[in-house]
C-alpha cells in the first residue's frame, strides 16, 4: 500500500513537472514578446534563476547546518557539480532528441566561454580542499558582474519601461506559479524516487549519482525539452548555460559565505569532467551553431560513460 502511494506521488510529480514547464515556457515567451527581450536573455537570466531556486535553497540550508557543526560540504558541493553535469550533458542530449538546439556566435563566445570560466574558477578555488568565505565572495562578485553586463547589453531598463497591464500581470503570475510547480514537483519526484529505490534495494552509489545528476536537473531538463518542442531552442540553450553559470558561481558563493565548504579531492575528477563535457557541447555548437539528434546521441554516450565510471569506482 505504501509503495503504491509512493508510485502515485512520483507520477503526480512528473505530471507537475510537465505542467510547470508549460506555464514557464509560455509565460517567458509572452514576456519576451511584450518587452522585446531576447529569448537568450530570458533563458540566461529569468529561467536560470527560477529553475535553480532548489539549488540555492540547498546551499543556504547546508550552510546553516554547517554553522551548527554538521559535516555536509561534500554532499552540497557534489550536488552542485552533479547538477551542472546533468544540465550540460543529460539535458542537452535529451532535448536535442526532440529538436534542434541553437545558439548565435555572440552567445557562444560570450556565454559559452563564461560557463567554461565559471567551471575553471570553481576548480581553482577548490584545489586547496576548501572554498573559504573570501573565495565565496569572489565567486559572487564575478557572477553579479556578469549579470550586470547582461542587463546592460540587453538595455533591460529601457525595454521594461512600459505599462504593466492586466495581461502582463497574468503572464507574470502564470510564470511564477509555473516555477513554483516546477520546484515542488521536482522535490516530489526526487524524494519519492529515492524512497522507491531504497525499498527495491538499489545501490546507494547509483541512487546518489541519479539523484544528484538527474533529480536536481529535472526542472531544466523538462523546461528545455518543452522549449525545443515549441521550436524555441535558443531559450533552452540560454536556460542551460545560465543555470550552469549560476550553479557554479552563485550557489557555492552563498554556501561558502555562510560557512566555508570543504571539498574532497575525489570531486576534482568530476569538475574536470564537467569542463571537458562543456567543451564538447560548445565545440558541437561552434561547428554548426546547432545541436541535433546526431550530436545529442554522442553527448548522451559520453554522459552515460561517465555514469558507468562513477558506479564502478564507487562500488
C-alpha atoms as a PDB file:
ATOM      1  CA  UNK A   1       0.000   0.000   0.000  1.00  0.00           C
ATOM      2  CA  UNK A   2       2.856   2.370   0.941  1.00  0.00           C
ATOM      3  CA  UNK A   3       4.742   1.606  -2.265  1.00  0.00           C
ATOM      4  CA  UNK A   4       1.593   2.306  -4.309  1.00  0.00           C
ATOM      5  CA  UNK A   5       1.285   5.724  -2.631  1.00  0.00           C
ATOM      6  CA  UNK A   6       4.917   6.497  -3.494  1.00  0.00           C
ATOM      7  CA  UNK A   7       4.329   5.477  -7.130  1.00  0.00           C
ATOM      8  CA  UNK A   8       1.273   7.733  -7.315  1.00  0.00           C
ATOM      9  CA  UNK A   9       3.216  10.645  -5.800  1.00  0.00           C
ATOM     10  CA  UNK A  10       6.027  10.022  -8.296  1.00  0.00           C
ATOM     11  CA  UNK A  11       3.527  10.141 -11.182  1.00  0.00           C
ATOM     12  CA  UNK A  12       1.995  13.303  -9.690  1.00  0.00           C
ATOM     13  CA  UNK A  13       5.466  14.851  -9.512  1.00  0.00           C
ATOM     14  CA  UNK A  14       6.182  14.026 -13.160  1.00  0.00           C
ATOM     15  CA  UNK A  15       2.812  15.473 -14.212  1.00  0.00           C
ATOM     16  CA  UNK A  16       3.607  18.604 -12.211  1.00  0.00           C
ATOM     17  CA  UNK A  17       6.946  18.954 -13.993  1.00  0.00           C
ATOM     18  CA  UNK A  18       5.165  18.905 -17.347  1.00  0.00           C
ATOM     19  CA  UNK A  19       2.526  21.433 -16.224  1.00  0.00           C
ATOM     20  CA  UNK A  20       5.114  23.731 -14.632  1.00  0.00           C
ATOM     21  CA  UNK A  21       7.308  23.655 -17.742  1.00  0.00           C
ATOM     22  CA  UNK A  22       4.348  24.542 -19.953  1.00  0.00           C
ATOM     23  CA  UNK A  23       3.437  27.553 -17.800  1.00  0.00           C
ATOM     24  CA  UNK A  24       7.063  28.714 -17.568  1.00  0.00           C
ATOM     25  CA  UNK A  25       7.769  28.488 -21.301  1.00  0.00           C
ATOM     26  CA  UNK A  26       4.511  30.184 -22.335  1.00  0.00           C
ATOM     27  CA  UNK A  27       4.951  32.912 -19.730  1.00  0.00           C
ATOM     28  CA  UNK A  28       8.572  33.526 -20.748  1.00  0.00           C
ATOM     29  CA  UNK A  29       7.677  33.784 -24.432  1.00  0.00           C
ATOM     30  CA  UNK A  30       4.861  36.259 -23.732  1.00  0.00           C
ATOM     31  CA  UNK A  31       7.145  38.425 -21.598  1.00  0.00           C
ATOM     32  CA  UNK A  32       9.941  38.363 -24.189  1.00  0.00           C
ATOM     33  CA  UNK A  33       7.484  39.424 -26.923  1.00  0.00           C
ATOM     34  CA  UNK A  34       5.820  42.172 -24.870  1.00  0.00           C
ATOM     35  CA  UNK A  35       9.058  43.727 -23.621  1.00  0.00           C
ATOM     36  CA  UNK A  36      11.047  42.804 -26.754  1.00  0.00           C
ATOM     37  CA  UNK A  37      13.584  40.854 -24.695  1.00  0.00           C
ATOM     38  CA  UNK A  38      15.781  38.337 -26.497  1.00  0.00           C
ATOM     39  CA  UNK A  39      14.954  34.687 -25.832  1.00  0.00           C
ATOM     40  CA  UNK A  40      18.596  34.049 -24.944  1.00  0.00           C
ATOM     41  CA  UNK A  41      18.412  36.730 -22.228  1.00  0.00           C
ATOM     42  CA  UNK A  42      15.164  35.321 -20.830  1.00  0.00           C
ATOM     43  CA  UNK A  43      16.735  31.854 -20.683  1.00  0.00           C
ATOM     44  CA  UNK A  44      20.061  33.068 -19.260  1.00  0.00           C
ATOM     45  CA  UNK A  45      18.563  35.221 -16.526  1.00  0.00           C
ATOM     46  CA  UNK A  46      14.866  34.676 -15.759  1.00  0.00           C
ATOM     47  CA  UNK A  47      14.608  30.922 -16.356  1.00  0.00           C
ATOM     48  CA  UNK A  48      18.036  30.064 -14.949  1.00  0.00           C
ATOM     49  CA  UNK A  49      17.315  31.833 -11.658  1.00  0.00           C
ATOM     50  CA  UNK A  50      13.812  30.407 -11.428  1.00  0.00           C
ATOM     51  CA  UNK A  51      14.697  26.787 -12.178  1.00  0.00           C
ATOM     52  CA  UNK A  52      17.742  26.912  -9.865  1.00  0.00           C
ATOM     53  CA  UNK A  53      15.870  28.003  -6.749  1.00  0.00           C
ATOM     54  CA  UNK A  54      16.093  24.443  -5.306  1.00  0.00           C
ATOM     55  CA  UNK A  55      19.909  24.511  -5.580  1.00  0.00           C
ATOM     56  CA  UNK A  56      20.048  27.962  -3.976  1.00  0.00           C
ATOM     57  CA  UNK A  57      17.902  26.776  -1.061  1.00  0.00           C
ATOM     58  CA  UNK A  58      20.075  23.649  -0.671  1.00  0.00           C
ATOM     59  CA  UNK A  59      23.195  25.802  -0.249  1.00  0.00           C
ATOM     60  CA  UNK A  60      21.513  28.162   2.226  1.00  0.00           C
ATOM     61  CA  UNK A  61      20.202  25.249   4.309  1.00  0.00           C
ATOM     62  CA  UNK A  62      23.503  23.386   4.034  1.00  0.00           C
ATOM     63  CA  UNK A  63      25.456  26.458   5.164  1.00  0.00           C
ATOM     64  CA  UNK A  64      23.177  26.911   8.182  1.00  0.00           C
ATOM     65  CA  UNK A  65      23.692  23.254   9.125  1.00  0.00           C
ATOM     66  CA  UNK A  66      27.479  23.625   8.857  1.00  0.00           C
ATOM     67  CA  UNK A  67      27.337  26.531  11.304  1.00  0.00           C
ATOM     68  CA  UNK A  68      25.744  24.064  13.738  1.00  0.00           C
ATOM     69  CA  UNK A  69      28.570  21.570  13.209  1.00  0.00           C
ATOM     70  CA  UNK A  70      27.002  19.281  10.591  1.00  0.00           C
ATOM     71  CA  UNK A  71      29.534  17.973   8.055  1.00  0.00           C
ATOM     72  CA  UNK A  72      27.753  18.211   4.696  1.00  0.00           C
ATOM     73  CA  UNK A  73      30.245  20.016   2.423  1.00  0.00           C
ATOM     74  CA  UNK A  74      30.900  17.124   0.037  1.00  0.00           C
ATOM     75  CA  UNK A  75      27.183  16.435  -0.319  1.00  0.00           C
ATOM     76  CA  UNK A  76      26.418  20.110  -1.042  1.00  0.00           C
ATOM     77  CA  UNK A  77      29.264  20.823  -3.475  1.00  0.00           C
ATOM     78  CA  UNK A  78      28.768  17.364  -5.028  1.00  0.00           C
ATOM     79  CA  UNK A  79      25.136  18.270  -5.701  1.00  0.00           C
ATOM     80  CA  UNK A  80      26.273  21.455  -7.440  1.00  0.00           C
ATOM     81  CA  UNK A  81      28.732  19.644  -9.710  1.00  0.00           C
ATOM     82  CA  UNK A  82      26.330  16.769 -10.389  1.00  0.00           C
ATOM     83  CA  UNK A  83      23.541  19.154 -11.310  1.00  0.00           C
ATOM     84  CA  UNK A  84      25.823  21.105 -13.644  1.00  0.00           C
ATOM     85  CA  UNK A  85      26.941  17.909 -15.395  1.00  0.00           C
ATOM     86  CA  UNK A  86      23.310  16.808 -15.729  1.00  0.00           C
ATOM     87  CA  UNK A  87      22.279  20.151 -17.216  1.00  0.00           C
ATOM     88  CA  UNK A  88      25.033  20.489 -19.820  1.00  0.00           C
ATOM     89  CA  UNK A  89      25.096  16.834 -20.876  1.00  0.00           C
ATOM     90  CA  UNK A  90      21.912  14.921 -19.998  1.00  0.00           C
ATOM     91  CA  UNK A  91      19.545  17.876 -20.503  1.00  0.00           C
ATOM     92  CA  UNK A  92      21.241  18.976 -23.748  1.00  0.00           C
ATOM     93  CA  UNK A  93      21.339  15.397 -25.017  1.00  0.00           C
ATOM     94  CA  UNK A  94      17.695  14.636 -24.248  1.00  0.00           C
ATOM     95  CA  UNK A  95      16.405  17.991 -25.526  1.00  0.00           C
ATOM     96  CA  UNK A  96      18.362  17.553 -28.767  1.00  0.00           C
ATOM     97  CA  UNK A  97      16.482  14.314 -29.471  1.00  0.00           C
ATOM     98  CA  UNK A  98      13.245  16.311 -29.743  1.00  0.00           C
ATOM     99  CA  UNK A  99      14.529  19.131 -31.966  1.00  0.00           C
ATOM    100  CA  UNK A 100      17.414  21.463 -32.727  1.00  0.00           C
ATOM    101  CA  UNK A 101      19.180  23.473 -30.024  1.00  0.00           C
ATOM    102  CA  UNK A 102      20.599  26.674 -31.491  1.00  0.00           C
ATOM    103  CA  UNK A 103      22.947  29.445 -30.394  1.00  0.00           C
ATOM    104  CA  UNK A 104      24.336  32.574 -32.031  1.00  0.00           C
ATOM    105  CA  UNK A 105      28.056  33.242 -32.456  1.00  0.00           C
ATOM    106  CA  UNK A 106      27.864  36.102 -29.937  1.00  0.00           C
ATOM    107  CA  UNK A 107      26.137  33.932 -27.335  1.00  0.00           C
ATOM    108  CA  UNK A 108      28.633  31.142 -27.918  1.00  0.00           C
ATOM    109  CA  UNK A 109      31.647  33.417 -27.461  1.00  0.00           C
ATOM    110  CA  UNK A 110      30.179  35.351 -24.525  1.00  0.00           C
ATOM    111  CA  UNK A 111      28.012  32.943 -22.534  1.00  0.00           C
ATOM    112  CA  UNK A 112      29.682  29.685 -23.516  1.00  0.00           C
ATOM    113  CA  UNK A 113      33.118  30.970 -22.529  1.00  0.00           C
ATOM    114  CA  UNK A 114      31.667  32.372 -19.295  1.00  0.00           C
ATOM    115  CA  UNK A 115      30.371  28.892 -18.439  1.00  0.00           C
ATOM    116  CA  UNK A 116      33.845  27.421 -19.016  1.00  0.00           C
ATOM    117  CA  UNK A 117      35.390  30.222 -16.941  1.00  0.00           C
ATOM    118  CA  UNK A 118      32.938  29.510 -14.099  1.00  0.00           C
ATOM    119  CA  UNK A 119      33.985  25.831 -14.138  1.00  0.00           C
ATOM    120  CA  UNK A 120      37.678  26.749 -14.044  1.00  0.00           C
ATOM    121  CA  UNK A 121      37.163  29.277 -11.225  1.00  0.00           C
ATOM    122  CA  UNK A 122      35.330  26.731  -9.066  1.00  0.00           C
ATOM    123  CA  UNK A 123      38.077  24.179  -9.736  1.00  0.00           C
ATOM    124  CA  UNK A 124      40.843  26.669  -8.859  1.00  0.00           C
ATOM    125  CA  UNK A 125      39.280  27.768  -5.547  1.00  0.00           C
ATOM    126  CA  UNK A 126      38.724  24.090  -4.663  1.00  0.00           C
ATOM    127  CA  UNK A 127      42.313  22.923  -5.253  1.00  0.00           C
ATOM    128  CA  UNK A 128      43.361  23.628  -1.661  1.00  0.00           C
ATOM    129  CA  UNK A 129      40.468  21.496  -0.366  1.00  0.00           C
ATOM    130  CA  UNK A 130      38.317  24.383   0.852  1.00  0.00           C
ATOM    131  CA  UNK A 131      36.166  27.201  -0.503  1.00  0.00           C
ATOM    132  CA  UNK A 132      36.591  29.994   2.053  1.00  0.00           C
ATOM    133  CA  UNK A 133      34.271  32.921   2.713  1.00  0.00           C
ATOM    134  CA  UNK A 134      36.635  35.249   0.837  1.00  0.00           C
ATOM    135  CA  UNK A 135      36.653  32.902  -2.167  1.00  0.00           C
ATOM    136  CA  UNK A 136      32.860  32.700  -1.924  1.00  0.00           C
ATOM    137  CA  UNK A 137      32.612  36.484  -2.092  1.00  0.00           C
ATOM    138  CA  UNK A 138      34.974  36.455  -5.084  1.00  0.00           C
ATOM    139  CA  UNK A 139      32.752  33.967  -6.966  1.00  0.00           C
ATOM    140  CA  UNK A 140      29.693  36.089  -6.137  1.00  0.00           C
ATOM    141  CA  UNK A 141      31.321  39.275  -7.446  1.00  0.00           C
ATOM    142  CA  UNK A 142      32.155  37.538 -10.744  1.00  0.00           C
ATOM    143  CA  UNK A 143      28.543  36.331 -11.069  1.00  0.00           C
ATOM    144  CA  UNK A 144      26.922  39.711 -10.378  1.00  0.00           C
ATOM    145  CA  UNK A 145      29.396  41.494 -12.671  1.00  0.00           C
ATOM    146  CA  UNK A 146      28.342  39.100 -15.443  1.00  0.00           C
ATOM    147  CA  UNK A 147      24.641  39.697 -14.677  1.00  0.00           C
ATOM    148  CA  UNK A 148      25.185  43.476 -14.735  1.00  0.00           C
ATOM    149  CA  UNK A 149      26.853  43.128 -18.139  1.00  0.00           C
ATOM    150  CA  UNK A 150      23.923  41.067 -19.495  1.00  0.00           C
ATOM    151  CA  UNK A 151      21.328  43.570 -18.263  1.00  0.00           C
ATOM    152  CA  UNK A 152      23.293  46.447 -19.771  1.00  0.00           C
ATOM    153  CA  UNK A 153      23.740  44.751 -23.158  1.00  0.00           C
ATOM    154  CA  UNK A 154      20.043  43.872 -23.257  1.00  0.00           C
ATOM    155  CA  UNK A 155      19.108  47.518 -22.470  1.00  0.00           C
ATOM    156  CA  UNK A 156      16.791  45.985 -19.885  1.00  0.00           C
ATOM    157  CA  UNK A 157      15.918  49.239 -18.118  1.00  0.00           C
ATOM    158  CA  UNK A 158      14.761  50.836 -21.369  1.00  0.00           C
ATOM    159  CA  UNK A 159      12.750  47.840 -22.524  1.00  0.00           C
ATOM    160  CA  UNK A 160      10.753  47.309 -19.339  1.00  0.00           C
ATOM    161  CA  UNK A 161       9.719  50.964 -19.241  1.00  0.00           C
ATOM    162  CA  UNK A 162       6.261  50.021 -20.485  1.00  0.00           C
ATOM    163  CA  UNK A 163       2.925  49.996 -18.642  1.00  0.00           C
ATOM    164  CA  UNK A 164       2.122  46.789 -16.755  1.00  0.00           C
ATOM    165  CA  UNK A 165      -1.391  45.870 -17.896  1.00  0.00           C
ATOM    166  CA  UNK A 166      -3.644  43.044 -16.756  1.00  0.00           C
ATOM    167  CA  UNK A 167      -2.286  40.730 -19.441  1.00  0.00           C
ATOM    168  CA  UNK A 168       1.290  41.231 -18.245  1.00  0.00           C
ATOM    169  CA  UNK A 169       0.256  40.701 -14.614  1.00  0.00           C
ATOM    170  CA  UNK A 170      -1.469  37.453 -15.590  1.00  0.00           C
ATOM    171  CA  UNK A 171       1.627  36.365 -17.530  1.00  0.00           C
ATOM    172  CA  UNK A 172       3.903  37.123 -14.565  1.00  0.00           C
ATOM    173  CA  UNK A 173       1.547  35.225 -12.266  1.00  0.00           C
ATOM    174  CA  UNK A 174       1.499  32.165 -14.530  1.00  0.00           C
ATOM    175  CA  UNK A 175       5.307  32.286 -14.813  1.00  0.00           C
ATOM    176  CA  UNK A 176       5.746  32.430 -11.024  1.00  0.00           C
ATOM    177  CA  UNK A 177       3.154  29.688 -10.495  1.00  0.00           C
ATOM    178  CA  UNK A 178       4.903  27.575 -13.130  1.00  0.00           C
ATOM    179  CA  UNK A 179       8.286  27.978 -11.403  1.00  0.00           C
ATOM    180  CA  UNK A 180       6.691  27.132  -8.057  1.00  0.00           C
ATOM    181  CA  UNK A 181       5.090  23.990  -9.526  1.00  0.00           C
ATOM    182  CA  UNK A 182       8.451  23.007 -11.083  1.00  0.00           C
ATOM    183  CA  UNK A 183      10.262  23.322  -7.749  1.00  0.00           C
ATOM    184  CA  UNK A 184       7.622  21.413  -5.763  1.00  0.00           C
ATOM    185  CA  UNK A 185       7.252  18.742  -8.447  1.00  0.00           C
ATOM    186  CA  UNK A 186      10.999  18.160  -8.744  1.00  0.00           C
ATOM    187  CA  UNK A 187      11.186  17.707  -4.945  1.00  0.00           C
ATOM    188  CA  UNK A 188       8.192  15.351  -5.019  1.00  0.00           C
ATOM    189  CA  UNK A 189       9.692  13.343  -7.889  1.00  0.00           C
ATOM    190  CA  UNK A 190      13.190  13.105  -6.412  1.00  0.00           C
ATOM    191  CA  UNK A 191      12.140  12.263  -2.840  1.00  0.00           C
ATOM    192  CA  UNK A 192       9.720   9.513  -3.901  1.00  0.00           C
ATOM    193  CA  UNK A 193      12.133   8.070  -6.462  1.00  0.00           C
ATOM    194  CA  UNK A 194      14.711   7.876  -3.647  1.00  0.00           C
ATOM    195  CA  UNK A 195      12.251   6.102  -1.310  1.00  0.00           C
ATOM    196  CA  UNK A 196      11.261   3.628  -4.037  1.00  0.00           C
ATOM    197  CA  UNK A 197      14.896   2.901  -4.923  1.00  0.00           C
ATOM    198  CA  UNK A 198      15.650   2.142  -1.269  1.00  0.00           C
ATOM    199  CA  UNK A 199      12.590  -0.078  -0.971  1.00  0.00           C
ATOM    200  CA  UNK A 200      13.650  -2.052  -4.051  1.00  0.00           C
ATOM    201  CA  UNK A 201      17.242  -2.356  -2.820  1.00  0.00           C
ATOM    202  CA  UNK A 202      19.004  -0.228  -5.445  1.00  0.00           C
ATOM    203  CA  UNK A 203      22.645   0.505  -4.604  1.00  0.00           C
ATOM    204  CA  UNK A 204      23.195   3.794  -2.743  1.00  0.00           C
ATOM    205  CA  UNK A 205      26.042   4.766  -5.115  1.00  0.00           C
ATOM    206  CA  UNK A 206      23.639   4.543  -8.050  1.00  0.00           C
ATOM    207  CA  UNK A 207      20.959   6.448  -6.128  1.00  0.00           C
ATOM    208  CA  UNK A 208      23.413   9.213  -5.256  1.00  0.00           C
ATOM    209  CA  UNK A 209      24.524   9.723  -8.840  1.00  0.00           C
ATOM    210  CA  UNK A 210      20.986   9.514 -10.185  1.00  0.00           C
ATOM    211  CA  UNK A 211      19.543  11.936  -7.620  1.00  0.00           C
ATOM    212  CA  UNK A 212      22.383  14.434  -7.980  1.00  0.00           C
ATOM    213  CA  UNK A 213      22.843  14.169 -11.743  1.00  0.00           C
ATOM    214  CA  UNK A 214      19.205  13.861 -12.801  1.00  0.00           C
ATOM    215  CA  UNK A 215      16.958  14.710  -9.867  1.00  0.00           C
ATOM    216  CA  UNK A 216      18.099  18.263  -9.240  1.00  0.00           C
ATOM    217  CA  UNK A 217      18.283  18.869 -13.010  1.00  0.00           C
ATOM    218  CA  UNK A 218      14.667  17.874 -13.657  1.00  0.00           C
ATOM    219  CA  UNK A 219      13.314  21.449 -13.930  1.00  0.00           C
ATOM    220  CA  UNK A 220      15.972  22.332 -16.548  1.00  0.00           C
ATOM    221  CA  UNK A 221      15.544  19.034 -18.423  1.00  0.00           C
ATOM    222  CA  UNK A 222      11.759  19.298 -18.687  1.00  0.00           C
ATOM    223  CA  UNK A 223      11.854  23.040 -19.453  1.00  0.00           C
ATOM    224  CA  UNK A 224      14.453  22.518 -22.206  1.00  0.00           C
ATOM    225  CA  UNK A 225      12.552  19.658 -23.852  1.00  0.00           C
ATOM    226  CA  UNK A 226       9.349  21.729 -23.752  1.00  0.00           C
ATOM    227  CA  UNK A 227      11.168  24.726 -25.291  1.00  0.00           C
ATOM    228  CA  UNK A 228      12.671  22.637 -28.100  1.00  0.00           C
ATOM    229  CA  UNK A 229       9.306  21.080 -28.936  1.00  0.00           C
ATOM    230  CA  UNK A 230       7.897  24.611 -29.235  1.00  0.00           C
ATOM    231  CA  UNK A 231      10.718  25.475 -31.711  1.00  0.00           C
ATOM    232  CA  UNK A 232      12.449  27.886 -29.310  1.00  0.00           C
ATOM    233  CA  UNK A 233      15.759  26.047 -28.877  1.00  0.00           C
ATOM    234  CA  UNK A 234      17.631  29.276 -28.116  1.00  0.00           C
ATOM    235  CA  UNK A 235      15.522  29.660 -24.959  1.00  0.00           C
ATOM    236  CA  UNK A 236      16.527  26.146 -23.869  1.00  0.00           C
ATOM    237  CA  UNK A 237      20.229  26.800 -24.521  1.00  0.00           C
ATOM    238  CA  UNK A 238      20.102  30.084 -22.625  1.00  0.00           C
ATOM    239  CA  UNK A 239      18.429  28.337 -19.689  1.00  0.00           C
ATOM    240  CA  UNK A 240      21.013  25.525 -19.535  1.00  0.00           C
ATOM    241  CA  UNK A 241      24.101  27.727 -19.914  1.00  0.00           C
ATOM    242  CA  UNK A 242      22.696  30.316 -17.500  1.00  0.00           C
ATOM    243  CA  UNK A 243      21.831  27.580 -14.994  1.00  0.00           C
ATOM    244  CA  UNK A 244      25.381  26.250 -15.043  1.00  0.00           C
ATOM    245  CA  UNK A 245      26.899  29.700 -14.624  1.00  0.00           C
ATOM    246  CA  UNK A 246      24.594  30.355 -11.664  1.00  0.00           C
ATOM    247  CA  UNK A 247      25.195  26.913 -10.137  1.00  0.00           C
ATOM    248  CA  UNK A 248      28.988  27.187 -10.388  1.00  0.00           C
ATOM    249  CA  UNK A 249      29.321  30.782  -9.173  1.00  0.00           C
ATOM    250  CA  UNK A 250      26.336  31.981  -7.124  1.00  0.00           C
ATOM    251  CA  UNK A 251      25.290  28.839  -5.226  1.00  0.00           C
ATOM    252  CA  UNK A 252      28.778  27.972  -3.854  1.00  0.00           C
ATOM    253  CA  UNK A 253      29.293  31.696  -3.205  1.00  0.00           C
ATOM    254  CA  UNK A 254      26.237  31.814  -0.944  1.00  0.00           C
ATOM    255  CA  UNK A 255      27.073  28.476   0.691  1.00  0.00           C
ATOM    256  CA  UNK A 256      30.720  29.362   1.380  1.00  0.00           C
ATOM    257  CA  UNK A 257      29.799  32.837   2.678  1.00  0.00           C
ATOM    258  CA  UNK A 258      27.503  31.293   5.297  1.00  0.00           C
ATOM    259  CA  UNK A 259      30.090  28.630   6.239  1.00  0.00           C
ATOM    260  CA  UNK A 260      33.246  27.503   4.362  1.00  0.00           C
ATOM    261  CA  UNK A 261      32.911  24.442   2.121  1.00  0.00           C
ATOM    262  CA  UNK A 262      35.374  21.543   2.474  1.00  0.00           C
ATOM    263  CA  UNK A 263      35.969  19.975  -0.958  1.00  0.00           C
ATOM    264  CA  UNK A 264      37.067  16.347  -1.273  1.00  0.00           C
ATOM    265  CA  UNK A 265      39.815  15.572  -3.774  1.00  0.00           C
ATOM    266  CA  UNK A 266      37.505  12.973  -5.349  1.00  0.00           C
ATOM    267  CA  UNK A 267      35.246  15.767  -6.610  1.00  0.00           C
ATOM    268  CA  UNK A 268      38.101  17.297  -8.624  1.00  0.00           C
ATOM    269  CA  UNK A 269      37.680  14.455 -11.155  1.00  0.00           C
ATOM    270  CA  UNK A 270      34.037  15.445 -11.596  1.00  0.00           C
ATOM    271  CA  UNK A 271      34.968  19.117 -12.049  1.00  0.00           C
ATOM    272  CA  UNK A 272      37.470  18.183 -14.762  1.00  0.00           C
ATOM    273  CA  UNK A 273      34.816  16.042 -16.468  1.00  0.00           C
ATOM    274  CA  UNK A 274      32.369  18.959 -16.263  1.00  0.00           C
ATOM    275  CA  UNK A 275      34.902  21.189 -18.007  1.00  0.00           C
ATOM    276  CA  UNK A 276      35.529  18.573 -20.727  1.00  0.00           C
ATOM    277  CA  UNK A 277      31.856  17.808 -21.452  1.00  0.00           C
ATOM    278  CA  UNK A 278      31.095  21.545 -21.510  1.00  0.00           C
ATOM    279  CA  UNK A 279      33.891  21.959 -24.056  1.00  0.00           C
ATOM    280  CA  UNK A 280      32.461  19.147 -26.195  1.00  0.00           C
ATOM    281  CA  UNK A 281      28.981  20.726 -26.193  1.00  0.00           C
ATOM    282  CA  UNK A 282      30.387  24.140 -27.123  1.00  0.00           C
ATOM    283  CA  UNK A 283      32.507  22.532 -29.870  1.00  0.00           C
ATOM    284  CA  UNK A 284      29.361  20.999 -31.391  1.00  0.00           C
ATOM    285  CA  UNK A 285      27.693  24.416 -31.289  1.00  0.00           C
ATOM    286  CA  UNK A 286      30.763  26.063 -32.845  1.00  0.00           C
ATOM    287  CA  UNK A 287      30.822  23.502 -35.680  1.00  0.00           C
ATOM    288  CA  UNK A 288      27.293  24.193 -36.899  1.00  0.00           C
ATOM    289  CA  UNK A 289      25.589  26.569 -34.428  1.00  0.00           C
ATOM    290  CA  UNK A 290      23.140  23.720 -33.724  1.00  0.00           C
ATOM    291  CA  UNK A 291      22.914  20.514 -31.769  1.00  0.00           C
ATOM    292  CA  UNK A 292      20.615  17.985 -33.384  1.00  0.00           C
ATOM    293  CA  UNK A 293      19.975  14.261 -32.957  1.00  0.00           C
ATOM    294  CA  UNK A 294      23.434  13.035 -34.027  1.00  0.00           C
ATOM    295  CA  UNK A 295      25.276  15.358 -31.658  1.00  0.00           C
ATOM    296  CA  UNK A 296      22.764  14.630 -28.879  1.00  0.00           C
ATOM    297  CA  UNK A 297      23.399  10.898 -29.093  1.00  0.00           C
ATOM    298  CA  UNK A 298      27.172  11.494 -28.855  1.00  0.00           C
ATOM    299  CA  UNK A 299      26.680  13.706 -25.769  1.00  0.00           C
ATOM    300  CA  UNK A 300      24.436  11.100 -24.116  1.00  0.00           C
ATOM    301  CA  UNK A 301      27.000   8.350 -24.794  1.00  0.00           C
ATOM    302  CA  UNK A 302      29.689  10.453 -23.071  1.00  0.00           C
ATOM    303  CA  UNK A 303      27.360  11.185 -20.138  1.00  0.00           C
ATOM    304  CA  UNK A 304      26.397   7.540 -19.581  1.00  0.00           C
ATOM    305  CA  UNK A 305      30.046   6.514 -19.891  1.00  0.00           C
ATOM    306  CA  UNK A 306      30.795   8.912 -17.031  1.00  0.00           C
ATOM    307  CA  UNK A 307      27.758   7.481 -15.221  1.00  0.00           C
ATOM    308  CA  UNK A 308      29.230   3.960 -15.607  1.00  0.00           C
ATOM    309  CA  UNK A 309      32.678   5.034 -14.386  1.00  0.00           C
ATOM    310  CA  UNK A 310      31.125   6.605 -11.267  1.00  0.00           C
ATOM    311  CA  UNK A 311      29.248   3.372 -10.483  1.00  0.00           C
ATOM    312  CA  UNK A 312      32.326   1.176 -10.986  1.00  0.00           C
ATOM    313  CA  UNK A 313      34.635   3.387  -8.919  1.00  0.00           C
ATOM    314  CA  UNK A 314      32.104   3.787  -6.089  1.00  0.00           C
ATOM    315  CA  UNK A 315      31.338   0.068  -5.754  1.00  0.00           C
END
